Amino acid sequence: MHRSRLFISPVILSIVSAFTPLLAQDCRSARELIEHLNKHHLEPREVNDRFAAGVFVQMLGLLDPDRIFFTAKDSLELSRSALLIDDQVNSGKCAFISALSDRYVQRVNRYASLADSLLAQKKN
């Protein structure tokens, strides 16, 4: 089980790295989607701190469902900005998403490097 995770990590890293340049566009798209939903949805959701907290939890859960990449320190540091997600989406400047993406790539690289060294030791 753990070995398969080690091989999946580079795939995840490639996907995240490929989409990182699109984050600014995604932030604008998220704002446009929210505006559209607020106009046309039967029960529109207010984009506020409660919304931001939910987005934060979902993003961490999607990126690291088994909690193997982000450290407790990472989660604490990222959570300090979590309640700014709504403000950033509303302004069209999603620095939090970039910070989260950068940290995720950093952690996946760290674990991929660790996996490579462990596999190299096992061969010797």
Protein backbone atom coordinates (compact mmCIF):
# COMPACT_ATOMS: atom_id res chain seq x y z
CA MET A 1 0.00 0.00 0.00
CA HIS A 2 2.67 2.52 0.98
CA ARG A 3 4.80 1.60 -2.01
CA SER A 4 1.96 2.40 -4.45
CA ARG A 5 1.60 5.84 -2.85
CA LEU A 6 5.27 6.50 -3.52
CA PHE A 7 4.79 5.83 -7.22
CA ILE A 8 1.63 7.94 -7.41
CA SER A 9 3.36 10.98 -5.89
CA PRO A 10 5.26 12.02 -9.05
CA VAL A 11 2.00 11.81 -11.02
CA ILE A 12 0.28 14.12 -8.52
CA LEU A 13 3.27 16.47 -8.65
CA SER A 14 3.08 16.63 -12.43
CA ILE A 15 -0.62 17.42 -12.37
CA VAL A 16 -0.26 20.15 -9.74
CA SER A 17 2.74 21.66 -11.53
CA ALA A 18 0.90 21.69 -14.84
CA PHE A 19 -2.08 23.53 -13.39
CA THR A 20 -0.17 26.06 -11.26
CA PRO A 21 0.01 28.70 -14.06
CA LEU A 22 -3.76 28.46 -14.43
CA LEU A 23 -4.48 29.42 -10.82
CA ALA A 24 -5.00 33.12 -11.53
CA GLN A 25 -7.47 32.27 -14.29
CA ASP A 26 -9.19 29.78 -11.98
CA CYS A 27 -9.58 32.49 -9.35
CA ARG A 28 -11.33 34.77 -11.84
CA SER A 29 -13.45 31.86 -13.03
CA ALA A 30 -14.41 31.04 -9.43
CA ARG A 31 -15.55 34.65 -8.93
CA GLU A 32 -17.59 34.54 -12.14
CA LEU A 33 -19.15 31.22 -11.14
CA ILE A 34 -20.10 32.55 -7.71
CA GLU A 35 -21.66 35.64 -9.25
CA HIS A 36 -23.62 33.47 -11.69
CA LEU A 37 -24.83 31.15 -8.92
CA ASN A 38 -25.84 34.08 -6.73
CA LYS A 39 -28.03 35.40 -9.55
CA HIS A 40 -29.59 32.14 -10.69
CA HIS A 41 -29.42 29.53 -7.91
CA LEU A 42 -32.49 28.82 -5.78
CA GLU A 43 -30.44 28.98 -2.59
CA PRO A 44 -27.27 30.99 -3.25
CA ARG A 45 -24.48 30.74 -0.67
CA GLU A 46 -22.86 33.80 0.74
CA VAL A 47 -19.11 33.95 0.15
CA ASN A 48 -17.93 34.66 3.69
CA ASP A 49 -15.62 33.22 6.33
CA ARG A 50 -17.84 30.17 6.74
CA PHE A 51 -17.57 29.51 3.00
CA ALA A 52 -13.79 30.07 3.20
CA ALA A 53 -13.40 27.60 6.06
CA GLY A 54 -15.30 24.95 4.10
CA VAL A 55 -13.20 25.52 1.00
CA PHE A 56 -10.03 25.24 3.07
CA VAL A 57 -11.06 21.91 4.60
CA GLN A 58 -12.12 20.52 1.22
CA MET A 59 -8.91 21.62 -0.51
CA LEU A 60 -6.71 19.98 2.11
CA GLY A 61 -8.87 16.87 2.03
CA LEU A 62 -8.66 16.60 -1.74
CA LEU A 63 -4.92 17.22 -1.93
CA ASP A 64 -3.91 15.08 1.02
CA PRO A 65 -6.74 12.72 2.02
CA ASP A 66 -4.40 10.34 3.87
CA ARG A 67 -2.52 13.20 5.52
CA ILE A 68 0.86 12.02 4.31
CA PHE A 69 2.14 15.20 2.65
CA PHE A 70 1.21 18.20 4.76
CA THR A 71 2.75 18.41 8.21
CA ALA A 72 0.92 19.73 11.27
CA LYS A 73 3.02 22.88 10.90
CA ASP A 74 1.91 23.23 7.26
CA SER A 75 -1.73 22.88 8.23
CA LEU A 76 -1.36 25.46 10.98
CA GLU A 77 0.44 27.94 8.74
CA LEU A 78 -2.05 27.49 5.90
CA SER A 79 -5.02 27.70 8.25
CA ARG A 80 -3.93 31.21 9.27
CA SER A 81 -4.88 32.37 5.78
CA ALA A 82 -7.92 30.13 5.37
CA LEU A 83 -10.44 32.77 6.33
CA LEU A 84 -9.03 35.06 3.66
CA ILE A 85 -10.12 32.75 0.85
CA ASP A 86 -13.48 34.48 0.48
CA ASP A 87 -11.85 37.92 0.39
CA GLN A 88 -9.33 36.73 -2.18
CA VAL A 89 -11.95 35.13 -4.41
CA ASN A 90 -14.06 38.29 -4.19
CA SER A 91 -11.07 40.43 -5.16
CA GLY A 92 -9.91 38.06 -7.89
CA LYS A 93 -6.49 37.61 -6.27
CA CYS A 94 -6.09 34.14 -4.82
CA ALA A 95 -2.71 34.21 -3.09
CA PHE A 96 -3.85 31.43 -0.78
CA ILE A 97 -4.27 29.01 -3.67
CA SER A 98 -0.76 29.78 -4.89
CA ALA A 99 0.66 29.32 -1.39
CA LEU A 100 -1.19 26.03 -0.99
CA SER A 101 -0.03 24.81 -4.39
CA ASP A 102 3.57 25.80 -3.71
CA ARG A 103 3.57 24.03 -0.34
CA TYR A 104 1.98 20.93 -1.85
CA VAL A 105 4.58 20.72 -4.62
CA GLN A 106 7.31 21.21 -2.02
CA ARG A 107 5.97 18.38 0.15
CA VAL A 108 5.41 15.98 -2.74
CA ASN A 109 8.96 16.65 -3.93
CA ARG A 110 10.24 15.96 -0.42
CA TYR A 111 8.45 12.63 -0.20
CA ALA A 112 9.39 11.63 -3.74
CA SER A 113 13.04 12.33 -2.91
CA LEU A 114 12.73 10.33 0.29
CA ALA A 115 11.13 7.46 -1.62
CA ASP A 116 13.93 7.50 -4.19
CA SER A 117 16.60 7.35 -1.48
CA LEU A 118 14.79 4.53 0.32
CA LEU A 119 14.49 2.55 -2.91
CA ALA A 120 18.17 3.16 -3.68
CA GLN A 121 19.16 1.91 -0.21
CA LYS A 122 17.02 -1.18 -0.67
CA LYS A 123 18.86 -2.00 -3.94
CA ASN A 124 22.23 -1.76 -2.21
